[in-house]
């Protein structure tokens, strides 16, 4: 059963939001969804190209030399074990184990020169927010999220949407699938949250469970019992009528009046706003007819589910499409590290690259992403959805890693990103790497450039001062960077 993840934040006075809710007595009214949501808790610009974004995040860093930027003429110590095949894009050298994507390359653009200077996994922050990671205490592994982090794209979009309408959306605006980044392996990876914007703008996340500690559901077919995407607290309850919900809302409003009086003596206004926004979101979701149905993947035809691949990544992409149809504005689907310490368990291929990429990673990406593009196009959604597929880095040009002859180490200085839909020109590449796919030879693309392009697709001016920090000062969405206008029709 999937649940919404708990992510408590400490307030300045030392009171956690969870404790604030419990003390406030929300549980006394019998409404269990606000407890869950509380624990997890007018745009400027141009004509939008996209209504929504699907962000396929390939955690660990796919190798450019084994995916979209192959160098068959390079030395054997550079080029890797696979061969390129023809695609519908004249100068795209795509891997032989991505045949479906090769046949559909006229639907997407490949940027080959994304780069940033932080050569480790904390690039997760830069690639998901458009900002370098700020200094903070990040736990023993030095990757944890903090409330000092910049808000991710999904959180910013939800914030702007709520500010424009004055209320939470009827359906979650920002959804994270299939599980919080890092949680499979016991981490809480930075870059996926609202950070200093306030945890009320964290995405709604589902919580797939593994069969056991060593299980990797991205590498195998998953059963329907494992893929129950319904959210805890949204299952139909015959004894809970709409009239009863409305009466409980009235009680909550009475409680809120008492709480507001208490708020006058509290210093942390951000925590208070989080509480109010969370309760409003809970009531909106509880009274929605389509939320529970949207999270039920069993409503999809078996044939279509097979086309996506029955592994966790493929089925999560399909669920992502359902979220877009239901009204989500930003959906992240993460192919994550499933087992802590497994150097062959994700795109972070330090060892066993030849076998694992051939047997699991490349076929899973090929099936899932190609099926998503076909499905969105067939439903008329591709023109209004920007699809982004990217990791936080690439891999070292030299085909050797830390003493392992069959692997590659971290490399953030030149790596690929796939963009499709929302007016993106299909069948093109942007940027050219050097002879070893090590450095950009022309048109380098920063994380800020990518962020500007994502916001621009939604009709949002990326340099507008639309955010306000804890001191209520206006802040630009992105500092620097430029919109890659060449990519759009």
Protein backbone atom coordinates (compact mmCIF):
# COMPACT_ATOMS: atom_id res chain seq x y z
CA UNK A 1 0.00 0.00 0.00
CA UNK A 2 1.38 3.40 -0.91
CA UNK A 3 1.43 6.14 1.68
CA UNK A 4 2.30 9.80 1.68
CA UNK A 5 5.72 10.18 3.19
CA UNK A 6 6.37 11.80 6.53
CA UNK A 7 8.77 14.70 6.37
CA UNK A 8 8.64 16.69 9.65
CA UNK A 9 10.30 20.07 9.84
CA UNK A 10 11.46 21.85 12.99
CA UNK A 11 10.15 25.35 13.60
CA UNK A 12 12.36 28.12 14.93
CA UNK A 13 10.91 27.71 18.42
CA UNK A 14 11.73 24.00 18.44
CA UNK A 15 8.17 22.80 17.79
CA UNK A 16 7.80 20.33 14.92
CA UNK A 17 4.88 20.79 12.53
CA UNK A 18 3.68 17.31 13.44
CA UNK A 19 3.63 18.28 17.11
CA UNK A 20 1.82 21.52 16.30
CA UNK A 21 -0.90 19.57 14.52
CA UNK A 22 -1.25 17.06 17.32
CA UNK A 23 -1.40 19.79 19.93
CA UNK A 24 -3.97 21.64 17.83
CA UNK A 25 -6.29 18.69 18.04
CA UNK A 26 -6.91 17.98 14.36
CA UNK A 27 -7.04 14.29 15.20
CA UNK A 28 -9.90 14.92 17.62
CA UNK A 29 -12.16 15.55 14.65
CA UNK A 30 -11.50 12.13 13.11
CA UNK A 31 -10.08 13.43 9.83
CA UNK A 32 -7.06 11.21 9.17
CA UNK A 33 -5.91 12.76 5.88
CA UNK A 34 -4.79 16.09 7.40
CA UNK A 35 -2.49 14.13 9.73
CA UNK A 36 -0.90 12.44 6.76
CA UNK A 37 -0.66 15.65 4.74
CA UNK A 38 0.65 17.66 7.65
CA UNK A 39 3.49 15.21 8.14
CA UNK A 40 4.23 15.33 4.36
CA UNK A 41 3.74 18.09 3.68
CA UNK A 42 -0.61 35.11 -11.01
CA UNK A 43 2.41 34.18 -13.08
CA UNK A 44 4.37 36.77 -14.94
CA UNK A 45 5.60 35.98 -18.33
CA UNK A 46 4.61 34.73 -21.69
CA UNK A 47 2.19 32.50 -23.48
CA UNK A 48 2.84 29.02 -22.07
CA UNK A 49 3.94 26.19 -24.34
CA UNK A 50 3.23 23.59 -21.64
CA UNK A 51 0.47 23.05 -19.13
CA UNK A 52 2.55 20.57 -17.17
CA UNK A 53 5.96 18.93 -16.79
CA UNK A 54 6.94 15.27 -16.46
CA UNK A 55 10.45 15.09 -15.04
CA UNK A 56 11.98 11.61 -15.44
CA UNK A 57 14.92 11.67 -13.06
CA UNK A 58 17.61 9.04 -13.69
CA UNK A 59 19.40 9.14 -10.37
CA UNK A 60 23.07 8.19 -10.32
CA UNK A 61 23.99 9.62 -13.68
CA UNK A 62 23.53 7.73 -16.97
CA UNK A 63 26.70 7.37 -19.02
CA UNK A 64 26.65 9.62 -22.07
CA UNK A 65 28.89 7.14 -23.89
CA UNK A 66 26.39 4.29 -23.46
CA UNK A 67 23.23 6.28 -24.25
CA UNK A 68 22.96 9.43 -26.41
CA UNK A 69 26.53 10.57 -27.12
CA UNK A 70 28.46 7.52 -28.29
CA UNK A 71 31.97 7.86 -29.70
CA UNK A 72 32.67 4.75 -31.79
CA UNK A 73 35.90 6.24 -33.19
CA UNK A 74 37.37 6.85 -29.74
CA UNK A 75 39.98 4.60 -28.18
CA UNK A 76 38.75 1.33 -26.68
CA UNK A 77 39.44 2.69 -23.21
CA UNK A 78 36.93 5.47 -23.92
CA UNK A 79 34.15 4.25 -26.20
CA UNK A 80 32.73 1.42 -24.09
CA UNK A 81 31.26 -1.96 -24.99
CA UNK A 82 28.28 -1.05 -27.21
CA UNK A 83 27.69 0.09 -30.77
CA UNK A 84 25.61 3.01 -32.09
CA UNK A 85 22.58 2.48 -34.31
CA UNK A 86 20.78 4.71 -36.78
CA UNK A 87 18.02 6.99 -35.57
CA UNK A 88 15.67 9.55 -37.13
CA UNK A 89 18.04 12.33 -36.07
CA UNK A 90 20.92 12.84 -38.53
CA UNK A 91 23.81 13.34 -36.08
CA UNK A 92 22.48 11.40 -33.07
CA UNK A 93 24.63 8.43 -32.13
CA UNK A 94 22.33 6.39 -29.95
CA UNK A 95 23.04 3.07 -28.24
CA UNK A 96 22.07 -0.22 -29.86
CA UNK A 97 20.06 -1.13 -26.74
CA UNK A 98 17.77 1.87 -27.20
CA UNK A 99 16.08 0.80 -30.47
CA UNK A 100 12.59 2.12 -29.63
CA UNK A 101 13.96 5.52 -28.71
CA UNK A 102 16.09 5.52 -31.86
CA UNK A 103 12.94 4.94 -33.94
CA UNK A 104 11.21 7.87 -32.18
CA UNK A 105 14.05 10.39 -32.09
CA UNK A 106 12.00 12.69 -34.31
CA UNK A 107 9.85 13.32 -31.22
CA UNK A 108 12.58 14.63 -28.95
CA UNK A 109 15.70 16.75 -28.72
CA UNK A 110 18.94 15.60 -27.11
CA UNK A 111 21.06 18.20 -25.33
CA UNK A 112 24.57 16.73 -25.15
CA UNK A 113 26.38 19.40 -23.15
CA UNK A 114 24.66 19.83 -19.78
CA UNK A 115 27.27 20.50 -17.10
CA UNK A 116 27.84 21.77 -13.57
CA UNK A 117 30.99 22.00 -11.40
CA UNK A 118 30.00 19.83 -8.39
CA UNK A 119 31.32 16.39 -9.34
CA UNK A 120 29.19 14.24 -7.03
CA UNK A 121 25.59 13.20 -6.36
CA UNK A 122 24.71 16.54 -4.77
CA UNK A 123 24.13 17.68 -8.31
CA UNK A 124 20.59 16.46 -7.50
CA UNK A 125 20.01 19.89 -5.99
CA UNK A 126 21.32 21.90 -8.95
CA UNK A 127 19.48 19.89 -11.61
CA UNK A 128 16.11 19.97 -9.76
CA UNK A 129 16.19 23.60 -8.59
CA UNK A 130 18.44 25.53 -10.98
CA UNK A 131 20.60 26.64 -8.03
CA UNK A 132 23.90 25.33 -6.61
CA UNK A 133 23.50 23.48 -3.35
CA UNK A 134 23.91 25.79 -0.31
CA UNK A 135 26.18 24.94 2.64
CA UNK A 136 24.36 22.94 5.32
CA UNK A 137 24.76 19.96 7.63
CA UNK A 138 23.73 17.00 5.47
CA UNK A 139 24.27 13.91 7.60
CA UNK A 140 26.94 11.25 7.51
CA UNK A 141 26.58 10.65 3.76
CA UNK A 142 26.49 14.44 3.12
CA UNK A 143 23.45 14.21 0.83
CA UNK A 144 20.48 14.98 3.10
CA UNK A 145 17.88 17.62 2.29
CA UNK A 146 17.61 20.64 4.61
CA UNK A 147 15.33 23.64 5.05
CA UNK A 148 18.17 25.81 3.73
CA UNK A 149 17.85 24.24 0.26
CA UNK A 150 16.34 26.04 -2.70
CA UNK A 151 12.82 24.93 -3.64
CA UNK A 152 12.60 22.48 -6.51
CA UNK A 153 10.71 23.22 -9.71
CA UNK A 154 7.56 21.36 -8.64
CA UNK A 155 7.36 23.21 -5.33
CA UNK A 156 7.85 26.59 -7.00
CA UNK A 157 5.11 25.87 -9.52
CA UNK A 158 2.71 24.78 -6.78
CA UNK A 159 3.54 27.93 -4.81
CA UNK A 160 2.89 30.19 -7.79
CA UNK A 161 -0.34 28.40 -8.68
CA UNK A 162 -1.68 28.70 -5.14
CA UNK A 163 -0.71 32.36 -4.99
CA UNK A 164 -2.56 32.98 -8.26
CA UNK A 165 -5.77 31.21 -7.19
CA UNK A 166 -5.66 31.86 -3.45
CA UNK A 167 -6.27 28.23 -2.58
CA UNK A 168 -4.70 24.76 -2.89
CA UNK A 169 -5.45 22.87 -6.10
CA UNK A 170 -8.24 20.28 -6.17
CA UNK A 171 -5.63 17.72 -7.22
CA UNK A 172 -1.99 17.66 -6.04
CA UNK A 173 -0.05 20.08 -8.18
CA UNK A 174 3.33 18.46 -7.51
CA UNK A 175 3.59 14.67 -7.29
CA UNK A 176 6.70 12.55 -6.68
CA UNK A 177 6.72 8.89 -7.84
CA UNK A 178 7.25 6.12 -6.86
CA UNK A 179 9.00 7.00 -3.59
CA UNK A 180 10.96 9.91 -2.18
CA UNK A 181 14.41 10.11 -3.74
CA UNK A 182 16.87 8.11 -1.66
CA UNK A 183 14.30 6.52 0.64
CA UNK A 184 14.70 3.04 -0.82
CA UNK A 185 18.33 3.07 0.31
CA UNK A 186 17.85 4.96 3.58
CA UNK A 187 18.82 8.45 2.34
CA UNK A 188 16.79 11.65 2.10
CA UNK A 189 18.32 13.19 -1.00
CA UNK A 190 18.42 16.96 -1.46
CA UNK A 191 16.76 18.84 -4.30
CA UNK A 192 13.30 17.27 -4.23
CA UNK A 193 11.62 19.45 -1.59
CA UNK A 194 10.37 23.01 -1.11
CA UNK A 195 13.32 23.88 1.17
CA UNK A 196 13.12 27.38 2.62
CA UNK A 197 9.85 28.04 0.76
CA UNK A 198 8.07 25.91 3.37
CA UNK A 199 7.14 22.25 3.55
CA UNK A 200 3.51 23.02 2.68
CA UNK A 201 4.82 23.11 -0.90
CA UNK A 202 6.56 19.74 -0.78
CA UNK A 203 5.20 17.39 -3.40
CA UNK A 204 2.78 14.62 -2.59
CA UNK A 205 4.84 11.42 -2.65
CA UNK A 206 3.92 7.76 -2.79
CA UNK A 207 5.79 5.05 -0.94
CA UNK A 208 6.39 1.77 -2.75
CA UNK A 209 7.87 -0.95 -0.54
CA UNK A 210 10.53 -3.47 -1.51
CA UNK A 211 10.09 -7.20 -0.94
CA UNK A 212 13.21 -7.32 1.18
CA UNK A 213 16.36 -5.30 1.89
CA UNK A 214 18.18 -6.59 -1.21
CA UNK A 215 15.27 -6.27 -3.63
CA UNK A 216 15.43 -3.98 -6.67
CA UNK A 217 11.93 -3.41 -8.13
CA UNK A 218 13.41 -1.38 -11.00
CA UNK A 219 15.06 -4.56 -12.28
CA UNK A 220 12.03 -6.87 -12.25
CA UNK A 221 8.32 -7.00 -12.99
CA UNK A 222 6.10 -5.77 -10.16
CA UNK A 223 2.74 -7.22 -9.11
CA UNK A 224 -0.44 -5.20 -8.79
CA UNK A 225 -0.29 -5.60 -5.03
CA UNK A 226 3.08 -3.86 -5.07
CA UNK A 227 1.82 -1.17 -7.43
CA UNK A 228 -1.15 0.02 -5.40
CA UNK A 229 -0.79 3.75 -6.09
CA UNK A 230 -3.86 4.79 -4.10
CA UNK A 231 -3.05 7.32 -1.42
CA UNK A 232 -3.60 6.56 2.23
CA UNK A 233 -6.61 8.42 3.56
CA UNK A 234 -8.38 8.64 0.19
CA UNK A 235 -10.03 5.20 0.06
CA UNK A 236 -13.83 5.42 0.05
CA UNK A 237 -15.38 5.15 3.52
CA UNK A 238 -19.13 4.44 3.39
CA UNK A 239 -19.71 5.86 6.85
CA UNK A 240 -18.03 9.16 5.95
CA UNK A 241 -20.54 11.22 3.93
CA UNK A 242 -19.90 14.60 2.35
CA UNK A 243 -22.22 16.14 4.93
CA UNK A 244 -20.08 14.72 7.72
CA UNK A 245 -16.95 16.06 6.04
CA UNK A 246 -18.54 19.50 5.81
CA UNK A 247 -19.51 19.42 9.49
CA UNK A 248 -15.97 18.43 10.39
CA UNK A 249 -14.66 21.29 8.27
CA UNK A 250 -16.84 23.65 10.29
CA UNK A 251 -15.34 22.25 13.47
CA UNK A 252 -11.87 22.68 12.05
CA UNK A 253 -12.68 26.29 11.21
CA UNK A 254 -13.71 26.85 14.82
CA UNK A 255 -10.47 25.25 15.94
CA UNK A 256 -8.57 27.47 13.52
CA UNK A 257 -9.98 30.60 15.13
CA UNK A 258 -8.55 29.50 18.45
CA UNK A 259 -5.30 28.56 16.75
CA UNK A 260 -5.03 31.97 15.10
CA UNK A 261 -5.19 33.60 18.48
CA UNK A 262 -2.33 31.37 19.58
CA UNK A 263 -0.44 32.23 16.40
CA UNK A 264 -0.17 35.85 17.49
CA UNK A 265 2.35 34.78 20.11
CA UNK A 266 4.38 32.57 17.77
CA UNK A 267 7.43 33.89 15.97
CA UNK A 268 7.60 31.36 13.16
CA UNK A 269 4.96 32.61 10.72
CA UNK A 270 6.22 30.18 8.06
CA UNK A 271 5.27 27.19 10.20
CA UNK A 272 1.82 28.71 10.76
CA UNK A 273 1.28 29.25 7.04
CA UNK A 274 2.39 25.67 6.43
CA UNK A 275 -0.24 24.43 8.86
CA UNK A 276 -3.10 26.39 7.29
CA UNK A 277 -2.13 25.45 3.76
CA UNK A 278 -1.79 21.78 4.69
CA UNK A 279 -5.26 21.64 6.24
CA UNK A 280 -6.82 23.34 3.20
CA UNK A 281 -5.08 20.89 0.87
CA UNK A 282 -6.28 17.93 2.94
CA UNK A 283 -9.93 19.01 2.75
CA UNK A 284 -9.68 19.72 -0.98
CA UNK A 285 -8.29 16.25 -1.66
CA UNK A 286 -10.69 14.47 0.66
CA UNK A 287 -13.73 15.93 -1.11
CA UNK A 288 -12.36 15.29 -4.63
CA UNK A 289 -14.11 12.58 -6.64
CA UNK A 290 -11.21 11.83 -8.95
CA UNK A 291 -8.17 11.64 -6.64
CA UNK A 292 -8.53 8.02 -5.52
CA UNK A 293 -9.40 6.86 -9.03
CA UNK A 294 -6.40 8.63 -10.55
CA UNK A 295 -3.99 6.69 -8.34
CA UNK A 296 -5.44 3.29 -9.31
CA UNK A 297 -3.13 1.96 -12.03
CA UNK A 298 -5.28 -1.15 -12.43
CA UNK A 299 -7.67 0.95 -14.50
CA UNK A 300 -5.13 0.94 -17.34
CA UNK A 301 -5.35 -1.77 -20.06
CA UNK A 302 -2.90 -4.64 -19.68
CA UNK A 303 -1.59 -4.09 -23.21
CA UNK A 304 -0.63 -0.51 -22.46
CA UNK A 305 0.96 -1.47 -19.15
CA UNK A 306 3.06 -4.06 -20.97
CA UNK A 307 4.22 -1.42 -23.44
CA UNK A 308 5.58 0.70 -20.57
CA UNK A 309 7.30 -2.31 -19.02
CA UNK A 310 6.09 -3.93 -15.81
CA UNK A 311 9.14 -2.81 -13.83
CA UNK A 312 8.78 -0.02 -11.31
CA UNK A 313 10.11 2.71 -13.59
CA UNK A 314 7.77 1.87 -16.47
CA UNK A 315 4.70 1.61 -14.28
CA UNK A 316 5.61 4.84 -12.49
CA UNK A 317 5.85 6.65 -15.83
CA UNK A 318 2.38 5.38 -16.66
CA UNK A 319 1.14 6.61 -13.29
CA UNK A 320 2.83 9.93 -14.03
CA UNK A 321 0.72 10.26 -17.18
CA UNK A 322 -2.38 9.59 -15.07
CA UNK A 323 -1.34 12.35 -12.69
CA UNK A 324 -1.04 14.80 -15.57
CA UNK A 325 -4.49 13.88 -16.83
CA UNK A 326 -5.94 14.34 -13.34
CA UNK A 327 -4.52 17.84 -13.04
CA UNK A 328 -0.96 17.69 -11.70
CA UNK A 329 1.31 20.43 -12.99
CA UNK A 330 4.66 18.84 -12.17
CA UNK A 331 5.32 15.12 -11.81
CA UNK A 332 8.71 13.66 -10.98
CA UNK A 333 9.28 9.98 -11.75
CA UNK A 334 12.57 8.84 -10.24
CA UNK A 335 14.60 5.78 -11.22
CA UNK A 336 16.39 5.55 -7.89
CA UNK A 337 19.06 3.55 -6.10
CA UNK A 338 17.11 0.66 -4.60
CA UNK A 339 19.77 -0.96 -2.39
CA UNK A 340 22.27 0.98 -0.31
CA UNK A 341 25.85 0.32 -1.34
CA UNK A 342 24.93 -1.54 -4.53
CA UNK A 343 27.33 -0.23 -7.19
CA UNK A 344 25.34 -2.05 -9.88
CA UNK A 345 21.85 -1.15 -8.63
CA UNK A 346 21.16 2.14 -10.42
CA UNK A 347 22.52 4.49 -13.09
CA UNK A 348 25.52 5.07 -10.79
CA UNK A 349 27.48 2.41 -12.68
CA UNK A 350 30.78 2.03 -10.87
CA UNK A 351 31.02 -1.66 -11.76
CA UNK A 352 29.28 -4.32 -13.84
CA UNK A 353 28.32 -1.76 -16.47
CA UNK A 354 28.36 -4.04 -19.52
CA UNK A 355 25.91 -6.60 -18.15
CA UNK A 356 23.64 -4.40 -16.03
CA UNK A 357 23.09 -1.68 -18.61
CA UNK A 358 22.35 -4.28 -21.28
CA UNK A 359 20.03 -6.39 -19.12
CA UNK A 360 18.22 -3.75 -17.03
CA UNK A 361 18.96 -0.05 -17.37
CA UNK A 362 18.86 0.49 -21.12
CA UNK A 363 15.88 -1.81 -21.86
CA UNK A 364 13.91 -0.25 -19.00
CA UNK A 365 14.55 3.28 -20.23
CA UNK A 366 13.88 2.30 -23.84
CA UNK A 367 10.52 0.69 -23.05
CA UNK A 368 9.29 3.24 -20.55
CA UNK A 369 10.27 6.52 -22.19
CA UNK A 370 9.24 5.47 -25.70
CA UNK A 371 5.86 4.23 -24.42
CA UNK A 372 5.34 7.51 -22.57
CA UNK A 373 5.99 9.57 -25.70
CA UNK A 374 3.62 7.39 -27.75
CA UNK A 375 0.94 7.47 -25.07
CA UNK A 376 1.07 11.23 -24.56
CA UNK A 377 0.94 11.80 -28.32
CA UNK A 378 -2.01 9.42 -28.78
CA UNK A 379 -3.96 11.25 -26.08
CA UNK A 380 -3.17 14.69 -27.43
CA UNK A 381 -1.08 15.52 -24.36
CA UNK A 382 2.40 15.72 -25.85
CA UNK A 383 1.86 19.21 -27.28
CA UNK A 384 0.99 20.51 -23.81
CA UNK A 385 3.44 18.48 -21.70
CA UNK A 386 7.18 19.10 -21.45
CA UNK A 387 8.97 15.79 -20.87
CA UNK A 388 12.44 16.02 -19.32
CA UNK A 389 14.68 12.96 -18.89
CA UNK A 390 18.01 13.60 -17.16
CA UNK A 391 20.31 12.53 -14.35
CA UNK A 392 22.39 14.67 -12.03
CA UNK A 393 25.56 13.88 -13.99
CA UNK A 394 27.20 11.63 -16.57
CA UNK A 395 30.15 9.25 -16.28
CA UNK A 396 33.89 9.48 -16.78
CA UNK A 397 35.09 9.19 -20.36
CA UNK A 398 37.69 6.62 -19.34
CA UNK A 399 36.14 3.16 -19.18
CA UNK A 400 37.63 2.27 -15.83
CA UNK A 401 36.53 3.14 -12.33
CA UNK A 402 38.28 2.89 -8.96
CA UNK A 403 40.11 -0.24 -9.92
CA UNK A 404 37.09 -1.78 -11.69
CA UNK A 405 37.62 -2.34 -15.40
CA UNK A 406 33.89 -2.50 -16.18
CA UNK A 407 32.53 0.78 -14.85
CA UNK A 408 32.71 4.56 -14.95
CA UNK A 409 33.05 7.14 -12.17
CA UNK A 410 31.20 10.45 -11.66
CA UNK A 411 31.44 13.14 -14.34
CA UNK A 412 29.38 16.34 -14.21
CA UNK A 413 31.26 18.26 -16.88
CA UNK A 414 29.34 17.02 -19.94
CA UNK A 415 26.18 14.88 -19.90
CA UNK A 416 22.93 14.48 -21.86
CA UNK A 417 19.34 15.56 -21.31
CA UNK A 418 16.29 14.58 -23.38
CA UNK A 419 13.47 17.08 -23.93
CA UNK A 420 10.18 16.40 -25.72
CA UNK A 421 6.74 17.92 -26.19
CA UNK A 422 5.42 21.45 -25.56
CA UNK A 423 6.83 22.86 -28.78
CA UNK A 424 10.29 21.27 -28.48
CA UNK A 425 11.74 20.59 -31.93
CA UNK A 426 12.04 16.85 -32.41
CA UNK A 427 14.78 15.19 -34.37
CA UNK A 428 17.55 17.57 -33.35
CA UNK A 429 20.57 17.64 -31.08
CA UNK A 430 21.86 20.69 -29.23
CA UNK A 431 25.48 21.14 -28.23
CA UNK A 432 28.42 19.04 -29.30
CA UNK A 433 30.91 17.32 -27.01
CA UNK A 434 34.60 16.80 -27.73
CA UNK A 435 36.01 13.62 -29.23
CA UNK A 436 35.79 11.74 -25.91
CA UNK A 437 32.40 13.09 -24.70
CA UNK A 438 34.34 14.69 -21.85
CA UNK A 439 33.79 18.43 -22.35
CA UNK A 440 31.43 20.63 -24.35
CA UNK A 441 32.94 21.59 -27.70
CA UNK A 442 30.19 24.15 -28.28
CA UNK A 443 26.93 25.37 -26.72
CA UNK A 444 27.51 24.34 -23.10
CA UNK A 445 24.24 24.17 -21.14
CA UNK A 446 24.16 24.99 -17.44
CA UNK A 447 21.58 23.82 -14.90
CA UNK A 448 20.42 27.44 -14.82
CA UNK A 449 19.82 27.32 -18.59
CA UNK A 450 17.78 24.17 -18.17
CA UNK A 451 15.78 25.73 -15.32
CA UNK A 452 15.07 28.84 -17.39
CA UNK A 453 13.85 26.67 -20.24
CA UNK A 454 11.52 24.65 -18.00
CA UNK A 455 9.94 27.77 -16.49
CA UNK A 456 9.71 29.42 -19.90
CA UNK A 457 7.80 26.42 -21.28
CA UNK A 458 5.16 27.05 -18.60
CA UNK A 459 4.92 30.73 -19.52
CA UNK A 460 6.83 31.84 -16.41
CA UNK A 461 9.57 34.46 -16.63
CA UNK A 462 12.52 32.66 -15.00
CA UNK A 463 14.17 35.92 -13.95
CA UNK A 464 11.09 37.49 -12.42
CA UNK A 465 11.21 38.07 -8.65
CA UNK A 466 8.25 35.82 -7.86
CA UNK A 467 9.52 34.14 -4.70
CA UNK A 468 9.84 35.61 -1.21
CA UNK A 469 12.34 34.31 1.32
CA UNK A 470 11.88 33.96 5.08
CA UNK A 471 12.63 37.66 5.47
CA UNK A 472 9.89 38.39 2.91
CA UNK A 473 12.38 39.68 0.35
CA UNK A 474 11.63 39.16 -3.36
CA UNK A 475 13.89 36.62 -5.10
CA UNK A 476 14.24 35.66 -8.75
CA UNK A 477 13.32 32.12 -9.73
CA UNK A 478 16.71 31.66 -11.42
CA UNK A 479 19.91 33.67 -11.07
CA UNK A 480 21.55 33.88 -14.49
CA UNK A 481 21.05 31.33 -17.19
CA UNK A 482 19.08 31.76 -20.40
CA UNK A 483 16.11 30.18 -22.13
CA UNK A 484 17.20 27.74 -24.83
CA UNK A 485 14.85 29.29 -27.33
CA UNK A 486 16.58 27.45 -30.19
CA UNK A 487 14.94 24.23 -29.02
CA UNK A 488 11.38 25.46 -29.60
CA UNK A 489 9.46 25.58 -32.85
